[in-house]
């Protein structure tokens, strides 16, 4: 852009957005989310690369409900996610990238049954 004499606004815009795009791509490549459920707890394991990870543990009494919604659209294809609403006022994404709304709805319903059964 410098060699071609691009206007200053384009150089500023590209200088700000290109690192954000690159950072988002690296995050997507390195980040993984794992969900473990047993009768006593729901555990969310987040991992970024091979060296950094953290986990969040919720008991059934900590969760007020599960919701599903559409969060992304690519062309005419929608992607859905399932989230947990907690008594702490937070909403945690459990699964995303689901391609069928019926699958997301069924998963949210089954997780809610798990919560009610173990509460």
PDB file of N, CA and C in Angstrom:
ATOM      1  N   UNK A   1       0.823  -1.189   0.000  1.00  0.00           N
ATOM      2  CA  UNK A   1       0.000   0.000   0.000  1.00  0.00           C
ATOM      3  C   UNK A   1       0.870   1.257   0.000  1.00  0.00           C
ATOM      4  N   UNK A   2       1.964   1.177   0.713  1.00  0.00           N
ATOM      5  CA  UNK A   2       2.862   2.323   0.769  1.00  0.00           C
ATOM      6  C   UNK A   2       3.455   2.602  -0.609  1.00  0.00           C
ATOM      7  N   UNK A   3       3.901   1.538  -1.284  1.00  0.00           N
ATOM      8  CA  UNK A   3       4.543   1.705  -2.585  1.00  0.00           C
ATOM      9  C   UNK A   3       3.561   2.169  -3.659  1.00  0.00           C
ATOM     10  N   UNK A   4       2.311   1.777  -3.522  1.00  0.00           N
ATOM     11  CA  UNK A   4       1.291   2.158  -4.509  1.00  0.00           C
ATOM     12  C   UNK A   4       0.682   3.517  -4.220  1.00  0.00           C
ATOM     13  N   UNK A   5       1.000   4.093  -3.054  1.00  0.00           N
ATOM     14  CA  UNK A   5       0.486   5.420  -2.721  1.00  0.00           C
ATOM     15  C   UNK A   5      -0.968   5.408  -2.290  1.00  0.00           C
ATOM     16  N   UNK A   6      -1.367   4.405  -1.533  1.00  0.00           N
ATOM     17  CA  UNK A   6      -2.748   4.328  -1.050  1.00  0.00           C
ATOM     18  C   UNK A   6      -3.028   5.483  -0.088  1.00  0.00           C
ATOM     19  N   UNK A   7      -4.256   5.976  -0.062  1.00  0.00           N
ATOM     20  CA  UNK A   7      -4.595   7.060   0.864  1.00  0.00           C
ATOM     21  C   UNK A   7      -4.369   6.632   2.318  1.00  0.00           C
ATOM     22  N   UNK A   8      -4.159   7.588   3.176  1.00  0.00           N
ATOM     23  CA  UNK A   8      -3.857   7.342   4.578  1.00  0.00           C
ATOM     24  C   UNK A   8      -4.966   6.546   5.271  1.00  0.00           C
ATOM     25  N   UNK A   9      -6.206   6.815   4.955  1.00  0.00           N
ATOM     26  CA  UNK A   9      -7.317   6.125   5.623  1.00  0.00           C
ATOM     27  C   UNK A   9      -7.252   4.619   5.362  1.00  0.00           C
ATOM     28  N   UNK A  10      -6.886   4.208   4.146  1.00  0.00           N
ATOM     29  CA  UNK A  10      -6.788   2.780   3.840  1.00  0.00           C
ATOM     30  C   UNK A  10      -5.620   2.135   4.574  1.00  0.00           C
ATOM     31  N   UNK A  11      -4.499   2.867   4.660  1.00  0.00           N
ATOM     32  CA  UNK A  11      -3.352   2.326   5.375  1.00  0.00           C
ATOM     33  C   UNK A  11      -3.655   2.170   6.857  1.00  0.00           C
ATOM     34  N   UNK A  12      -4.370   3.128   7.440  1.00  0.00           N
ATOM     35  CA  UNK A  12      -4.752   3.019   8.859  1.00  0.00           C
ATOM     36  C   UNK A  12      -5.734   1.875   9.076  1.00  0.00           C
ATOM     37  N   UNK A  13      -6.748   1.819   8.218  1.00  0.00           N
ATOM     38  CA  UNK A  13      -7.764   0.773   8.362  1.00  0.00           C
ATOM     39  C   UNK A  13      -7.129  -0.607   8.235  1.00  0.00           C
ATOM     40  N   UNK A  14      -6.298  -0.815   7.219  1.00  0.00           N
ATOM     41  CA  UNK A  14      -5.671  -2.119   7.019  1.00  0.00           C
ATOM     42  C   UNK A  14      -4.667  -2.409   8.130  1.00  0.00           C
ATOM     43  N   UNK A  15      -3.974  -1.400   8.612  1.00  0.00           N
ATOM     44  CA  UNK A  15      -3.014  -1.594   9.697  1.00  0.00           C
ATOM     45  C   UNK A  15      -3.666  -2.014  10.997  1.00  0.00           C
ATOM     46  N   UNK A  16      -4.912  -1.644  11.203  1.00  0.00           N
ATOM     47  CA  UNK A  16      -5.641  -2.029  12.422  1.00  0.00           C
ATOM     48  C   UNK A  16      -6.350  -3.365  12.237  1.00  0.00           C
ATOM     49  N   UNK A  17      -7.007  -3.549  11.098  1.00  0.00           N
ATOM     50  CA  UNK A  17      -7.826  -4.753  10.933  1.00  0.00           C
ATOM     51  C   UNK A  17      -7.019  -5.997  10.598  1.00  0.00           C
ATOM     52  N   UNK A  18      -5.909  -5.864   9.895  1.00  0.00           N
ATOM     53  CA  UNK A  18      -5.161  -7.068   9.520  1.00  0.00           C
ATOM     54  C   UNK A  18      -4.605  -7.814  10.730  1.00  0.00           C
ATOM     55  N   UNK A  19      -4.062  -7.156  11.772  1.00  0.00           N
ATOM     56  CA  UNK A  19      -3.654  -7.924  12.950  1.00  0.00           C
ATOM     57  C   UNK A  19      -4.836  -8.573  13.671  1.00  0.00           C
ATOM     58  N   UNK A  20      -5.991  -7.909  13.655  1.00  0.00           N
ATOM     59  CA  UNK A  20      -7.180  -8.504  14.283  1.00  0.00           C
ATOM     60  C   UNK A  20      -7.626  -9.758  13.539  1.00  0.00           C
ATOM     61  N   UNK A  21      -7.598  -9.710  12.223  1.00  0.00           N
ATOM     62  CA  UNK A  21      -7.972 -10.881  11.432  1.00  0.00           C
ATOM     63  C   UNK A  21      -6.984 -12.009  11.651  1.00  0.00           C
ATOM     64  N   UNK A  22      -5.706 -11.690  11.633  1.00  0.00           N
ATOM     65  CA  UNK A  22      -4.679 -12.695  11.859  1.00  0.00           C
ATOM     66  C   UNK A  22      -4.782 -13.288  13.265  1.00  0.00           C
ATOM     67  N   UNK A  23      -4.999 -12.440  14.270  1.00  0.00           N
ATOM     68  CA  UNK A  23      -5.156 -12.930  15.643  1.00  0.00           C
ATOM     69  C   UNK A  23      -6.373 -13.828  15.797  1.00  0.00           C
ATOM     70  N   UNK A  24      -7.485 -13.466  15.153  1.00  0.00           N
ATOM     71  CA  UNK A  24      -8.677 -14.305  15.197  1.00  0.00           C
ATOM     72  C   UNK A  24      -8.455 -15.651  14.531  1.00  0.00           C
ATOM     73  N   UNK A  25      -7.698 -15.653  13.447  1.00  0.00           N
ATOM     74  CA  UNK A  25      -7.396 -16.910  12.760  1.00  0.00           C
ATOM     75  C   UNK A  25      -6.526 -17.815  13.622  1.00  0.00           C
ATOM     76  N   UNK A  26      -5.509 -17.234  14.248  1.00  0.00           N
ATOM     77  CA  UNK A  26      -4.645 -18.022  15.126  1.00  0.00           C
ATOM     78  C   UNK A  26      -5.433 -18.560  16.307  1.00  0.00           C
ATOM     79  N   UNK A  27      -6.314 -17.731  16.895  1.00  0.00           N
ATOM     80  CA  UNK A  27      -7.153 -18.169  18.017  1.00  0.00           C
ATOM     81  C   UNK A  27      -8.027 -19.342  17.595  1.00  0.00           C
ATOM     82  N   UNK A  28      -8.636 -19.253  16.429  1.00  0.00           N
ATOM     83  CA  UNK A  28      -9.498 -20.328  15.935  1.00  0.00           C
ATOM     84  C   UNK A  28      -8.717 -21.619  15.734  1.00  0.00           C
ATOM     85  N   UNK A  29      -7.509 -21.514  15.237  1.00  0.00           N
ATOM     86  CA  UNK A  29      -6.691 -22.707  15.025  1.00  0.00           C
ATOM     87  C   UNK A  29      -6.253 -23.355  16.332  1.00  0.00           C
ATOM     88  N   UNK A  30      -5.919 -22.552  17.337  1.00  0.00           N
ATOM     89  CA  UNK A  30      -5.350 -23.088  18.562  1.00  0.00           C
ATOM     90  C   UNK A  30      -6.373 -23.404  19.654  1.00  0.00           C
ATOM     91  N   UNK A  31      -7.531 -22.751  19.640  1.00  0.00           N
ATOM     92  CA  UNK A  31      -8.503 -22.907  20.725  1.00  0.00           C
ATOM     93  C   UNK A  31      -9.339 -24.169  20.550  1.00  0.00           C
ATOM     94  N   UNK A  32      -9.529 -24.884  21.643  1.00  0.00           N
ATOM     95  CA  UNK A  32     -10.446 -26.025  21.634  1.00  0.00           C
ATOM     96  C   UNK A  32     -11.276 -25.984  22.909  1.00  0.00           C
ATOM     97  N   UNK A  33     -12.496 -26.453  22.796  1.00  0.00           N
ATOM     98  CA  UNK A  33     -13.446 -26.475  23.897  1.00  0.00           C
ATOM     99  C   UNK A  33     -13.921 -27.908  24.066  1.00  0.00           C
ATOM    100  N   UNK A  34     -13.880 -28.390  25.303  1.00  0.00           N
ATOM    101  CA  UNK A  34     -14.326 -29.753  25.586  1.00  0.00           C
ATOM    102  C   UNK A  34     -15.323 -29.697  26.725  1.00  0.00           C
ATOM    103  N   UNK A  35     -16.377 -30.448  26.604  1.00  0.00           N
ATOM    104  CA  UNK A  35     -17.438 -30.484  27.591  1.00  0.00           C
ATOM    105  C   UNK A  35     -17.513 -31.880  28.178  1.00  0.00           C
ATOM    106  N   UNK A  36     -17.438 -31.968  29.511  1.00  0.00           N
ATOM    107  CA  UNK A  36     -17.556 -33.255  30.202  1.00  0.00           C
ATOM    108  C   UNK A  36     -18.728 -33.162  31.172  1.00  0.00           C
ATOM    109  N   UNK A  37     -19.576 -34.180  31.131  1.00  0.00           N
ATOM    110  CA  UNK A  37     -20.771 -34.199  31.985  1.00  0.00           C
ATOM    111  C   UNK A  37     -20.815 -35.518  32.728  1.00  0.00           C
ATOM    112  N   UNK A  38     -21.029 -35.444  34.035  1.00  0.00           N
ATOM    113  CA  UNK A  38     -21.325 -36.635  34.821  1.00  0.00           C
ATOM    114  C   UNK A  38     -22.485 -36.299  35.745  1.00  0.00           C
ATOM    115  N   UNK A  39     -22.828 -37.178  36.652  1.00  0.00           N
ATOM    116  CA  UNK A  39     -24.011 -36.949  37.487  1.00  0.00           C
ATOM    117  C   UNK A  39     -23.827 -35.801  38.471  1.00  0.00           C
ATOM    118  N   UNK A  40     -22.603 -35.456  38.803  1.00  0.00           N
ATOM    119  CA  UNK A  40     -22.366 -34.420  39.811  1.00  0.00           C
ATOM    120  C   UNK A  40     -22.018 -33.050  39.249  1.00  0.00           C
ATOM    121  N   UNK A  41     -21.498 -32.987  38.012  1.00  0.00           N
ATOM    122  CA  UNK A  41     -21.019 -31.703  37.525  1.00  0.00           C
ATOM    123  C   UNK A  41     -20.952 -31.637  36.006  1.00  0.00           C
ATOM    124  N   UNK A  42     -20.892 -30.418  35.534  1.00  0.00           N
ATOM    125  CA  UNK A  42     -20.654 -30.119  34.135  1.00  0.00           C
ATOM    126  C   UNK A  42     -19.327 -29.361  34.095  1.00  0.00           C
ATOM    127  N   UNK A  43     -18.379 -29.875  33.353  1.00  0.00           N
ATOM    128  CA  UNK A  43     -17.039 -29.301  33.318  1.00  0.00           C
ATOM    129  C   UNK A  43     -16.743 -28.798  31.909  1.00  0.00           C
ATOM    130  N   UNK A  44     -16.335 -27.535  31.813  1.00  0.00           N
ATOM    131  CA  UNK A  44     -15.955 -26.935  30.550  1.00  0.00           C
ATOM    132  C   UNK A  44     -14.437 -26.789  30.548  1.00  0.00           C
ATOM    133  N   UNK A  45     -13.772 -27.463  29.621  1.00  0.00           N
ATOM    134  CA  UNK A  45     -12.321 -27.404  29.508  1.00  0.00           C
ATOM    135  C   UNK A  45     -11.955 -26.601  28.271  1.00  0.00           C
ATOM    136  N   UNK A  46     -11.267 -25.491  28.462  1.00  0.00           N
ATOM    137  CA  UNK A  46     -10.797 -24.656  27.367  1.00  0.00           C
ATOM    138  C   UNK A  46      -9.296 -24.833  27.233  1.00  0.00           C
ATOM    139  N   UNK A  47      -8.819 -24.913  26.014  1.00  0.00           N
ATOM    140  CA  UNK A  47      -7.386 -25.080  25.776  1.00  0.00           C
ATOM    141  C   UNK A  47      -6.986 -24.184  24.614  1.00  0.00           C
ATOM    142  N   UNK A  48      -5.873 -23.479  24.816  1.00  0.00           N
ATOM    143  CA  UNK A  48      -5.286 -22.674  23.761  1.00  0.00           C
ATOM    144  C   UNK A  48      -3.879 -23.206  23.537  1.00  0.00           C
ATOM    145  N   UNK A  49      -3.694 -23.908  22.445  1.00  0.00           N
ATOM    146  CA  UNK A  49      -2.396 -24.512  22.183  1.00  0.00           C
ATOM    147  C   UNK A  49      -2.122 -25.656  23.136  1.00  0.00           C
ATOM    148  N   UNK A  50      -0.907 -26.142  23.154  1.00  0.00           N
ATOM    149  CA  UNK A  50      -0.594 -27.299  23.995  1.00  0.00           C
ATOM    150  C   UNK A  50      -0.243 -26.959  25.435  1.00  0.00           C
ATOM    151  N   UNK A  51      -0.057 -25.667  25.753  1.00  0.00           N
ATOM    152  CA  UNK A  51       0.484 -25.336  27.057  1.00  0.00           C
ATOM    153  C   UNK A  51      -0.449 -24.588  27.994  1.00  0.00           C
ATOM    154  N   UNK A  52      -1.519 -23.996  27.512  1.00  0.00           N
ATOM    155  CA  UNK A  52      -2.379 -23.178  28.362  1.00  0.00           C
ATOM    156  C   UNK A  52      -3.803 -23.702  28.321  1.00  0.00           C
ATOM    157  N   UNK A  53      -4.363 -23.971  29.489  1.00  0.00           N
ATOM    158  CA  UNK A  53      -5.749 -24.430  29.559  1.00  0.00           C
ATOM    159  C   UNK A  53      -6.364 -23.967  30.872  1.00  0.00           C
ATOM    160  N   UNK A  54      -7.682 -23.918  30.902  1.00  0.00           N
ATOM    161  CA  UNK A  54      -8.408 -23.607  32.114  1.00  0.00           C
ATOM    162  C   UNK A  54      -9.738 -24.346  32.071  1.00  0.00           C
ATOM    163  N   UNK A  55     -10.308 -24.531  33.262  1.00  0.00           N
ATOM    164  CA  UNK A  55     -11.575 -25.251  33.326  1.00  0.00           C
ATOM    165  C   UNK A  55     -12.546 -24.521  34.233  1.00  0.00           C
ATOM    166  N   UNK A  56     -13.811 -24.735  33.954  1.00  0.00           N
ATOM    167  CA  UNK A  56     -14.890 -24.200  34.778  1.00  0.00           C
ATOM    168  C   UNK A  56     -15.788 -25.370  35.137  1.00  0.00           C
ATOM    169  N   UNK A  57     -16.150 -25.458  36.400  1.00  0.00           N
ATOM    170  CA  UNK A  57     -16.970 -26.566  36.879  1.00  0.00           C
ATOM    171  C   UNK A  57     -18.278 -26.003  37.435  1.00  0.00           C
ATOM    172  N   UNK A  58     -19.392 -26.565  36.977  1.00  0.00           N
ATOM    173  CA  UNK A  58     -20.711 -26.154  37.431  1.00  0.00           C
ATOM    174  C   UNK A  58     -21.468 -27.385  37.921  1.00  0.00           C
ATOM    175  N   UNK A  59     -22.067 -27.272  39.079  1.00  0.00           N
ATOM    176  CA  UNK A  59     -22.980 -28.304  39.569  1.00  0.00           C
ATOM    177  C   UNK A  59     -24.355 -28.022  38.986  1.00  0.00           C
ATOM    178  N   UNK A  60     -25.229 -29.024  38.970  1.00  0.00           N
ATOM    179  CA  UNK A  60     -26.569 -28.791  38.404  1.00  0.00           C
ATOM    180  C   UNK A  60     -27.315 -27.636  39.074  1.00  0.00           C
ATOM    181  N   UNK A  61     -27.078 -27.413  40.352  1.00  0.00           N
ATOM    182  CA  UNK A  61     -27.766 -26.323  41.051  1.00  0.00           C
ATOM    183  C   UNK A  61     -27.250 -24.947  40.638  1.00  0.00           C
ATOM    184  N   UNK A  62     -26.096 -24.877  39.998  1.00  0.00           N
ATOM    185  CA  UNK A  62     -25.534 -23.607  39.542  1.00  0.00           C
ATOM    186  C   UNK A  62     -26.109 -23.153  38.203  1.00  0.00           C
ATOM    187  N   UNK A  63     -26.826 -24.030  37.534  1.00  0.00           N
ATOM    188  CA  UNK A  63     -27.340 -23.740  36.195  1.00  0.00           C
ATOM    189  C   UNK A  63     -28.841 -23.514  36.267  1.00  0.00           C
ATOM    190  N   UNK A  64     -29.295 -22.390  35.697  1.00  0.00           N
ATOM    191  CA  UNK A  64     -30.722 -22.098  35.695  1.00  0.00           C
ATOM    192  C   UNK A  64     -31.425 -22.646  34.461  1.00  0.00           C
ATOM    193  N   UNK A  65     -30.683 -22.862  33.383  1.00  0.00           N
ATOM    194  CA  UNK A  65     -31.290 -23.408  32.174  1.00  0.00           C
ATOM    195  C   UNK A  65     -30.317 -23.430  31.017  1.00  0.00           C
ATOM    196  N   UNK A  66     -30.751 -24.061  29.944  1.00  0.00           N
ATOM    197  CA  UNK A  66     -29.959 -24.162  28.725  1.00  0.00           C
ATOM    198  C   UNK A  66     -30.749 -23.549  27.590  1.00  0.00           C
ATOM    199  N   UNK A  67     -30.075 -22.801  26.734  1.00  0.00           N
ATOM    200  CA  UNK A  67     -30.733 -22.161  25.602  1.00  0.00           C
ATOM    201  C   UNK A  67     -29.965 -22.500  24.327  1.00  0.00           C
ATOM    202  N   UNK A  68     -30.662 -22.423  23.203  1.00  0.00           N
ATOM    203  CA  UNK A  68     -30.020 -22.606  21.905  1.00  0.00           C
ATOM    204  C   UNK A  68     -30.435 -21.446  21.016  1.00  0.00           C
ATOM    205  N   UNK A  69     -29.509 -20.997  20.190  1.00  0.00           N
ATOM    206  CA  UNK A  69     -29.800 -19.913  19.277  1.00  0.00           C
ATOM    207  C   UNK A  69     -28.855 -19.975  18.085  1.00  0.00           C
ATOM    208  N   UNK A  70     -29.136 -19.152  17.106  1.00  0.00           N
ATOM    209  CA  UNK A  70     -28.282 -19.058  15.923  1.00  0.00           C
ATOM    210  C   UNK A  70     -27.325 -17.897  16.138  1.00  0.00           C
ATOM    211  N   UNK A  71     -26.033 -18.151  15.963  1.00  0.00           N
ATOM    212  CA  UNK A  71     -25.079 -17.075  16.199  1.00  0.00           C
ATOM    213  C   UNK A  71     -24.260 -16.706  14.968  1.00  0.00           C
ATOM    214  N   UNK A  72     -24.281 -17.519  13.925  1.00  0.00           N
ATOM    215  CA  UNK A  72     -23.484 -17.246  12.742  1.00  0.00           C
ATOM    216  C   UNK A  72     -24.244 -17.683  11.500  1.00  0.00           C
ATOM    217  N   UNK A  73     -24.012 -16.971  10.419  1.00  0.00           N
ATOM    218  CA  UNK A  73     -24.596 -17.345   9.141  1.00  0.00           C
ATOM    219  C   UNK A  73     -23.528 -17.201   8.071  1.00  0.00           C
ATOM    220  N   UNK A  74     -23.384 -18.218   7.246  1.00  0.00           N
ATOM    221  CA  UNK A  74     -22.471 -18.169   6.104  1.00  0.00           C
ATOM    222  C   UNK A  74     -23.287 -18.487   4.859  1.00  0.00           C
ATOM    223  N   UNK A  75     -23.545 -17.479   4.066  1.00  0.00           N
ATOM    224  CA  UNK A  75     -24.405 -17.667   2.892  1.00  0.00           C
ATOM    225  C   UNK A  75     -25.816 -17.951   3.353  1.00  0.00           C
ATOM    226  N   UNK A  76     -26.356 -19.087   2.939  1.00  0.00           N
ATOM    227  CA  UNK A  76     -27.700 -19.459   3.374  1.00  0.00           C
ATOM    228  C   UNK A  76     -27.665 -20.539   4.461  1.00  0.00           C
ATOM    229  N   UNK A  77     -26.490 -20.776   5.055  1.00  0.00           N
ATOM    230  CA  UNK A  77     -26.349 -21.797   6.092  1.00  0.00           C
ATOM    231  C   UNK A  77     -26.200 -21.135   7.461  1.00  0.00           C
ATOM    232  N   UNK A  78     -27.028 -21.569   8.409  1.00  0.00           N
ATOM    233  CA  UNK A  78     -26.983 -21.035   9.763  1.00  0.00           C
ATOM    234  C   UNK A  78     -26.241 -22.003  10.673  1.00  0.00           C
ATOM    235  N   UNK A  79     -25.548 -21.453  11.649  1.00  0.00           N
ATOM    236  CA  UNK A  79     -24.855 -22.251  12.657  1.00  0.00           C
ATOM    237  C   UNK A  79     -25.447 -21.917  14.018  1.00  0.00           C
ATOM    238  N   UNK A  80     -25.668 -22.943  14.817  1.00  0.00           N
ATOM    239  CA  UNK A  80     -26.345 -22.791  16.098  1.00  0.00           C
ATOM    240  C   UNK A  80     -25.388 -23.120  17.239  1.00  0.00           C
ATOM    241  N   UNK A  81     -25.734 -22.645  18.419  1.00  0.00           N
ATOM    242  CA  UNK A  81     -24.951 -22.928  19.614  1.00  0.00           C
ATOM    243  C   UNK A  81     -25.885 -23.244  20.766  1.00  0.00           C
ATOM    244  N   UNK A  82     -25.338 -23.928  21.765  1.00  0.00           N
ATOM    245  CA  UNK A  82     -26.069 -24.239  22.991  1.00  0.00           C
ATOM    246  C   UNK A  82     -25.303 -23.584  24.128  1.00  0.00           C
ATOM    247  N   UNK A  83     -26.030 -22.835  24.950  1.00  0.00           N
ATOM    248  CA  UNK A  83     -25.403 -22.116  26.060  1.00  0.00           C
ATOM    249  C   UNK A  83     -26.105 -22.443  27.368  1.00  0.00           C
ATOM    250  N   UNK A  84     -25.343 -22.314  28.462  1.00  0.00           N
ATOM    251  CA  UNK A  84     -25.887 -22.532  29.807  1.00  0.00           C
ATOM    252  C   UNK A  84     -25.997 -21.189  30.505  1.00  0.00           C
ATOM    253  N   UNK A  85     -27.124 -20.947  31.130  1.00  0.00           N
ATOM    254  CA  UNK A  85     -27.307 -19.747  31.952  1.00  0.00           C
ATOM    255  C   UNK A  85     -27.091 -20.154  33.405  1.00  0.00           C
ATOM    256  N   UNK A  86     -26.234 -19.416  34.111  1.00  0.00           N
ATOM    257  CA  UNK A  86     -25.876 -19.783  35.477  1.00  0.00           C
ATOM    258  C   UNK A  86     -26.505 -18.830  36.484  1.00  0.00           C
ATOM    259  N   UNK A  87     -26.494 -19.247  37.752  1.00  0.00           N
ATOM    260  CA  UNK A  87     -27.008 -18.390  38.820  1.00  0.00           C
ATOM    261  C   UNK A  87     -26.060 -17.234  39.104  1.00  0.00           C
ATOM    262  N   UNK A  88     -24.870 -17.282  38.547  1.00  0.00           N
ATOM    263  CA  UNK A  88     -23.878 -16.224  38.729  1.00  0.00           C
ATOM    264  C   UNK A  88     -24.074 -15.087  37.738  1.00  0.00           C
ATOM    265  N   UNK A  89     -25.091 -15.183  36.900  1.00  0.00           N
ATOM    266  CA  UNK A  89     -25.381 -14.144  35.922  1.00  0.00           C
ATOM    267  C   UNK A  89     -24.562 -14.253  34.650  1.00  0.00           C
ATOM    268  N   UNK A  90     -23.929 -15.379  34.415  1.00  0.00           N
ATOM    269  CA  UNK A  90     -23.119 -15.573  33.222  1.00  0.00           C
ATOM    270  C   UNK A  90     -23.797 -16.553  32.274  1.00  0.00           C
ATOM    271  N   UNK A  91     -23.504 -16.392  31.005  1.00  0.00           N
ATOM    272  CA  UNK A  91     -23.965 -17.324  29.990  1.00  0.00           C
ATOM    273  C   UNK A  91     -22.732 -17.943  29.350  1.00  0.00           C
ATOM    274  N   UNK A  92     -22.597 -19.242  29.474  1.00  0.00           N
ATOM    275  CA  UNK A  92     -21.422 -19.955  28.973  1.00  0.00           C
ATOM    276  C   UNK A  92     -21.790 -20.753  27.725  1.00  0.00           C
ATOM    277  N   UNK A  93     -21.015 -20.598  26.667  1.00  0.00           N
ATOM    278  CA  UNK A  93     -21.219 -21.383  25.458  1.00  0.00           C
ATOM    279  C   UNK A  93     -20.663 -22.780  25.670  1.00  0.00           C
ATOM    280  N   UNK A  94     -21.503 -23.776  25.474  1.00  0.00           N
ATOM    281  CA  UNK A  94     -21.101 -25.161  25.651  1.00  0.00           C
ATOM    282  C   UNK A  94     -20.704 -25.803  24.328  1.00  0.00           C
ATOM    283  N   UNK A  95     -21.515 -25.593  23.306  1.00  0.00           N
ATOM    284  CA  UNK A  95     -21.270 -26.172  21.984  1.00  0.00           C
ATOM    285  C   UNK A  95     -21.651 -25.122  20.951  1.00  0.00           C
ATOM    286  N   UNK A  96     -20.809 -24.952  19.943  1.00  0.00           N
ATOM    287  CA  UNK A  96     -21.180 -24.080  18.839  1.00  0.00           C
ATOM    288  C   UNK A  96     -20.798 -24.729  17.523  1.00  0.00           C
ATOM    289  N   UNK A  97     -21.309 -24.166  16.448  1.00  0.00           N
ATOM    290  CA  UNK A  97     -21.031 -24.740  15.135  1.00  0.00           C
ATOM    291  C   UNK A  97     -21.975 -25.855  14.749  1.00  0.00           C
ATOM    292  N   UNK A  98     -23.099 -25.986  15.441  1.00  0.00           N
ATOM    293  CA  UNK A  98     -24.097 -27.009  15.107  1.00  0.00           C
ATOM    294  C   UNK A  98     -24.839 -26.551  13.855  1.00  0.00           C
ATOM    295  N   UNK A  99     -24.980 -27.421  12.882  1.00  0.00           N
ATOM    296  CA  UNK A  99     -25.562 -27.020  11.602  1.00  0.00           C
ATOM    297  C   UNK A  99     -27.080 -27.178  11.532  1.00  0.00           C
ATOM    298  N   UNK A 100     -27.677 -27.904  12.438  1.00  0.00           N
ATOM    299  CA  UNK A 100     -29.127 -28.123  12.409  1.00  0.00           C
ATOM    300  C   UNK A 100     -29.767 -27.572  13.671  1.00  0.00           C
ATOM    301  N   UNK A 101     -30.845 -26.829  13.526  1.00  0.00           N
ATOM    302  CA  UNK A 101     -31.530 -26.257  14.688  1.00  0.00           C
ATOM    303  C   UNK A 101     -32.157 -27.348  15.550  1.00  0.00           C
ATOM    304  N   UNK A 102     -32.596 -28.427  14.934  1.00  0.00           N
ATOM    305  CA  UNK A 102     -33.201 -29.530  15.683  1.00  0.00           C
ATOM    306  C   UNK A 102     -32.165 -30.185  16.605  1.00  0.00           C
ATOM    307  N   UNK A 103     -30.944 -30.322  16.128  1.00  0.00           N
ATOM    308  CA  UNK A 103     -29.875 -30.902  16.942  1.00  0.00           C
ATOM    309  C   UNK A 103     -29.581 -30.017  18.145  1.00  0.00           C
ATOM    310  N   UNK A 104     -29.493 -28.713  17.930  1.00  0.00           N
ATOM    311  CA  UNK A 104     -29.232 -27.780  19.034  1.00  0.00           C
ATOM    312  C   UNK A 104     -30.380 -27.791  20.039  1.00  0.00           C
ATOM    313  N   UNK A 105     -31.602 -27.821  19.546  1.00  0.00           N
ATOM    314  CA  UNK A 105     -32.768 -27.849  20.427  1.00  0.00           C
ATOM    315  C   UNK A 105     -32.810 -29.139  21.245  1.00  0.00           C
ATOM    316  N   UNK A 106     -32.533 -30.264  20.616  1.00  0.00           N
ATOM    317  CA  UNK A 106     -32.533 -31.552  21.310  1.00  0.00           C
ATOM    318  C   UNK A 106     -31.435 -31.603  22.373  1.00  0.00           C
ATOM    319  N   UNK A 107     -30.251 -31.110  22.042  1.00  0.00           N
ATOM    320  CA  UNK A 107     -29.164 -31.089  23.011  1.00  0.00           C
ATOM    321  C   UNK A 107     -29.502 -30.208  24.200  1.00  0.00           C
ATOM    322  N   UNK A 108     -30.070 -29.040  23.967  1.00  0.00           N
ATOM    323  CA  UNK A 108     -30.463 -28.158  25.067  1.00  0.00           C
ATOM    324  C   UNK A 108     -31.521 -28.822  25.941  1.00  0.00           C
ATOM    325  N   UNK A 109     -32.468 -29.512  25.333  1.00  0.00           N
ATOM    326  CA  UNK A 109     -33.519 -30.196  26.093  1.00  0.00           C
ATOM    327  C   UNK A 109     -32.936 -31.331  26.937  1.00  0.00           C
ATOM    328  N   UNK A 110     -32.019 -32.105  26.369  1.00  0.00           N
ATOM    329  CA  UNK A 110     -31.412 -33.212  27.124  1.00  0.00           C
ATOM    330  C   UNK A 110     -30.529 -32.702  28.262  1.00  0.00           C
ATOM    331  N   UNK A 111     -29.822 -31.622  28.030  1.00  0.00           N
ATOM    332  CA  UNK A 111     -29.028 -31.039  29.109  1.00  0.00           C
ATOM    333  C   UNK A 111     -29.927 -30.511  30.227  1.00  0.00           C
ATOM    334  N   UNK A 112     -31.077 -29.954  29.856  1.00  0.00           N
ATOM    335  CA  UNK A 112     -32.020 -29.481  30.873  1.00  0.00           C
ATOM    336  C   UNK A 112     -32.603 -30.657  31.658  1.00  0.00           C
ATOM    337  N   UNK A 113     -32.849 -31.770  30.989  1.00  0.00           N
ATOM    338  CA  UNK A 113     -33.303 -32.973  31.697  1.00  0.00           C
ATOM    339  C   UNK A 113     -32.228 -33.459  32.670  1.00  0.00           C
ATOM    340  N   UNK A 114     -30.957 -33.413  32.269  1.00  0.00           N
ATOM    341  CA  UNK A 114     -29.853 -33.782  33.157  1.00  0.00           C
ATOM    342  C   UNK A 114     -29.833 -32.883  34.388  1.00  0.00           C
ATOM    343  N   UNK A 115     -30.028 -31.590  34.163  1.00  0.00           N
ATOM    344  CA  UNK A 115     -30.016 -30.635  35.272  1.00  0.00           C
ATOM    345  C   UNK A 115     -31.154 -30.913  36.260  1.00  0.00           C
ATOM    346  N   UNK A 116     -32.347 -31.152  35.744  1.00  0.00           N
ATOM    347  CA  UNK A 116     -33.492 -31.410  36.615  1.00  0.00           C
ATOM    348  C   UNK A 116     -33.375 -32.744  37.331  1.00  0.00           C
ATOM    349  N   UNK A 117     -32.794 -33.731  36.689  1.00  0.00           N
ATOM    350  CA  UNK A 117     -32.649 -35.053  37.271  1.00  0.00           C
ATOM    351  C   UNK A 117     -31.626 -35.042  38.415  1.00  0.00           C
ATOM    352  N   UNK A 118     -30.578 -34.267  38.312  1.00  0.00           N
ATOM    353  CA  UNK A 118     -29.504 -34.260  39.296  1.00  0.00           C
ATOM    354  C   UNK A 118     -29.561 -33.074  40.240  1.00  0.00           C
ATOM    355  N   UNK A 119     -30.581 -32.272  40.175  1.00  0.00           N
ATOM    356  CA  UNK A 119     -30.683 -31.099  41.038  1.00  0.00           C
ATOM    357  C   UNK A 119     -31.184 -31.468  42.415  1.00  0.00           C
TER     358      UNK A 119
END
